[in-house]
Protein backbone atom coordinates (compact mmCIF):
# COMPACT_ATOMS: atom_id res chain seq x y z
CA MET A 1 79.13 83.96 -25.87
CA GLN A 2 75.84 85.51 -24.72
CA ASN A 3 75.93 89.16 -23.58
CA ILE A 4 73.92 90.37 -20.59
CA SER A 5 73.00 93.84 -19.46
CA VAL A 6 72.39 95.32 -16.02
CA PHE A 7 69.15 96.69 -17.48
CA THR A 8 67.88 93.19 -18.28
CA TRP A 9 66.25 92.72 -14.89
CA SER A 10 63.94 95.75 -14.84
CA TYR A 11 60.50 94.38 -13.99
CA PRO A 12 57.29 96.38 -14.54
CA LEU A 13 55.06 97.04 -11.55
CA ASP A 14 51.35 97.44 -11.09
CA LEU A 15 50.17 99.77 -8.31
CA ALA A 16 46.57 99.58 -7.14
CA PRO A 17 44.94 101.47 -4.25
CA ASP A 18 44.54 99.18 -1.25
CA ASP A 19 43.18 99.53 2.27
CA ASN A 20 44.56 102.06 4.74
CA ALA A 21 45.76 104.61 2.16
CA THR A 22 48.35 102.24 0.68
CA TRP A 23 49.33 101.00 -2.75
CA LEU A 24 49.29 97.28 -3.42
CA ILE A 25 52.41 96.68 -5.53
CA THR A 26 52.66 93.61 -7.76
CA SER A 27 54.45 92.55 -10.93
CA PRO A 28 52.77 90.81 -13.88
CA ASP A 29 55.95 88.79 -14.47
CA LEU A 30 56.47 87.57 -10.90
CA PRO A 31 53.13 87.00 -9.14
CA GLU A 32 54.90 86.41 -5.82
CA LEU A 33 56.30 89.95 -5.93
CA THR A 34 53.81 91.65 -3.65
CA THR A 35 54.35 94.52 -1.26
CA TRP A 36 52.69 97.72 -0.03
CA ALA A 37 53.63 101.38 0.27
CA PRO A 38 51.82 104.50 1.45
CA ILE A 39 49.94 106.27 -1.36
CA GLY A 40 51.93 109.31 -2.45
CA GLN A 41 55.25 107.73 -1.44
CA LEU A 42 56.51 106.48 -4.80
CA ALA A 43 60.14 106.42 -3.66
CA ASP A 44 59.09 104.05 -0.87
CA ALA A 45 57.12 102.00 -3.39
CA VAL A 46 60.25 101.49 -5.51
CA ARG A 47 62.38 100.68 -2.45
CA TYR A 48 59.87 98.13 -1.15
CA ALA A 49 59.40 96.69 -4.65
CA ARG A 50 63.17 96.24 -5.02
CA LYS A 51 63.28 94.27 -1.74
CA ALA A 52 60.29 92.18 -2.87
CA LEU A 53 61.95 91.59 -6.27
CA VAL A 54 65.14 90.33 -4.63
CA ALA A 55 63.09 88.04 -2.36
CA ALA A 56 61.08 86.68 -5.33
CA LEU A 57 64.21 86.01 -7.40
CA ALA A 58 65.96 84.38 -4.42
CA ALA A 59 62.98 82.10 -3.80
CA ARG A 60 62.82 81.02 -7.44
CA ILE A 61 66.53 80.20 -7.47
CA GLU A 62 66.27 78.31 -4.19
CA ARG A 63 63.31 76.26 -5.46
CA GLY A 64 64.95 75.67 -8.87
CA GLU A 65 62.13 77.45 -10.73
CA ASP A 66 62.24 79.37 -13.98
CA ILE A 67 62.90 83.12 -13.84
CA PRO A 68 61.07 84.82 -16.68
CA PRO A 69 62.63 87.76 -18.46
CA PRO A 70 60.87 91.04 -17.70
CA SER A 71 58.08 92.16 -19.99
CA ALA A 72 57.98 95.68 -21.42
CA ALA A 73 57.05 98.37 -18.90
CA LYS A 74 54.57 100.03 -21.33
CA GLY A 75 54.39 103.23 -19.29
CA ARG A 76 54.27 101.44 -15.95
CA LEU A 77 56.60 101.99 -13.05
CA SER A 78 59.43 99.45 -13.07
CA VAL A 79 62.03 98.24 -10.60
CA ILE A 80 65.60 97.23 -11.41
CA ALA A 81 67.28 94.35 -9.60
CA PRO A 82 70.55 95.30 -7.90
CA THR A 83 73.57 94.66 -10.14
CA LEU A 84 74.95 91.69 -8.18
CA VAL A 85 71.50 90.06 -8.06
CA GLY A 86 71.08 90.58 -11.82
CA LEU A 87 74.41 88.90 -12.51
CA LYS A 88 73.50 85.95 -10.28
CA VAL A 89 70.15 85.61 -12.06
CA ALA A 90 71.97 85.62 -15.41
CA LEU A 91 74.26 82.84 -14.15
CA TYR A 92 71.31 80.82 -12.84
CA ARG A 93 69.32 81.20 -16.08
CA ALA A 94 72.31 80.21 -18.21
CA MET A 95 72.88 77.13 -16.04
CA ARG A 96 69.23 76.10 -16.41
CA ALA A 97 69.17 76.73 -20.15
CA GLN A 98 72.28 74.61 -20.65
CA GLY A 99 71.32 71.91 -18.13
CA ILE A 100 74.39 72.65 -15.98
CA SER A 101 74.06 71.51 -12.37
CA GLN A 102 75.76 73.22 -9.46
CA LYS A 103 78.03 70.18 -9.16
CA GLU A 104 78.99 70.44 -12.85
CA LEU A 105 79.72 74.17 -12.56
CA ALA A 106 81.88 73.45 -9.50
CA ARG A 107 83.79 70.86 -11.56
CA ARG A 108 84.32 73.41 -14.36
CA LEU A 109 85.52 76.00 -11.85
CA ASN A 110 87.59 73.50 -9.87
CA CYS A 111 85.94 74.52 -6.61
CA ASP A 112 83.75 73.12 -3.85
CA PRO A 113 80.03 72.87 -4.82
CA LYS A 114 79.26 74.92 -1.69
CA GLU A 115 80.97 77.89 -3.35
CA VAL A 116 78.65 77.61 -6.36
CA ARG A 117 75.62 77.34 -4.05
CA ARG A 118 76.72 80.50 -2.22
CA THR A 119 77.32 82.25 -5.54
CA LEU A 120 73.70 81.62 -6.55
CA ASP A 121 72.46 82.89 -3.17
CA VAL A 122 71.40 86.49 -3.87
CA THR A 123 71.88 87.39 -0.19
CA HIS A 124 75.51 86.20 -0.19
CA SER A 125 78.25 88.66 -1.05
CA THR A 126 80.11 86.89 -3.84
CA ARG A 127 83.64 87.79 -4.87
CA ALA A 128 83.51 89.57 -8.21
CA ASP A 129 86.38 87.56 -9.69
CA PHE A 130 84.64 84.27 -8.86
CA LEU A 131 81.33 85.46 -10.31
CA ASP A 132 83.17 86.59 -13.44
CA ARG A 133 84.76 83.12 -13.80
CA ALA A 134 81.40 81.41 -13.23
CA LEU A 135 79.69 83.54 -15.90
CA HIS A 136 82.45 82.75 -18.37
CA ALA A 137 82.19 79.03 -17.51
CA VAL A 138 78.57 79.07 -18.73
CA GLU A 139 79.50 81.29 -21.70
CA VAL A 140 77.80 84.46 -20.50
CA GLN A 141 79.75 87.65 -21.12
CA PRO A 142 79.32 89.96 -18.13
CA PRO A 143 78.73 93.65 -18.87
CA SER A 144 82.21 94.57 -17.64
CA SER A 145 85.33 93.13 -16.06
CA ALA A 146 85.30 91.57 -12.61
CA VAL A 147 87.05 94.67 -11.27
CA GLU A 148 84.28 96.94 -12.59
CA ILE A 149 81.57 94.64 -11.22
CA HIS A 150 83.29 94.72 -7.84
CA ALA A 151 83.42 98.52 -8.00
CA ILE A 152 79.70 98.74 -8.81
CA VAL A 153 78.82 96.42 -5.95
CA ARG A 154 81.09 98.17 -3.48
CA GLY A 155 80.53 101.68 -4.85
CA ALA A 156 84.30 102.19 -4.78
CA VAL A 157 85.16 104.03 -8.03
CA ASN A 158 83.62 107.33 -9.13
CA ASP A 159 83.61 106.44 -12.84
CA ILE A 160 81.66 103.30 -12.05
CA GLU A 161 79.26 105.33 -9.90
CA VAL A 162 78.33 107.23 -13.07
CA LYS A 163 77.30 103.91 -14.66
CA ARG A 164 75.29 103.06 -11.55
CA ALA A 165 73.64 106.51 -11.63
CA ALA A 166 72.67 105.88 -15.26
CA MET A 167 71.08 102.59 -14.24
CA TYR A 168 69.08 104.24 -11.46
CA GLY A 169 68.37 107.18 -13.77
CA ALA A 170 66.26 104.86 -15.93
CA GLU A 171 64.36 103.83 -12.82
CA ILE A 172 63.90 107.44 -11.70
CA HIS A 173 62.69 108.37 -15.19
CA SER A 174 60.16 105.54 -14.98
CA LEU A 175 59.09 106.77 -11.54
CA LEU A 176 58.60 110.36 -12.75
CA ARG A 177 56.67 109.24 -15.84
CA PHE A 178 54.39 107.12 -13.64
CA ALA A 179 53.86 110.01 -11.19
CA ARG A 180 52.93 112.41 -14.02
CA LYS A 181 50.50 109.87 -15.44
CA LYS A 182 48.80 109.37 -12.05
CA LYS A 183 48.71 113.12 -11.44
CA SER A 184 47.03 113.77 -14.79
CA LYS A 185 44.40 111.11 -14.08
CA ILE A 186 43.62 112.67 -10.70
CA GLY A 187 43.35 116.11 -12.33
CA HIS A 188 45.89 118.05 -10.27
């Protein structure tokens, strides 16, 4: 069984000055990930990049395209996909790698193919127990039990919030490192 990690879907970002005192935000791994944020507003840049990342991943799943694994950040700012989105991407990638259609996964799960389609929809709120079953059906070991995944998604259990804080802590660390690097280049 293949293991996955919530940190797997942390994509590096490139920020370049653009018109009107804004950053143009792109990702070398997902060319369609493009957004803008005011210069000096790195928290906004990460928030907008996360929304653009979710949109890019959703579009690739909808079109049946490959989703590349993230490259190394190499000192760049990076953005982490939300936990539920990351799990859905892991399911989608495993299905593609094994040549499993949505219809075949529905057969394995003894459910309607519409339920599998909704599970792969990153904007759809999927039941944690069903997502857990789907991941096991394609031999992907989720990072935790269905109950813990549900708690992360819903933010319901304090112990799980610590795990979520650790995930965002990596993103915040990346943000601070990027800000220090930019500040030193500017000479402030």
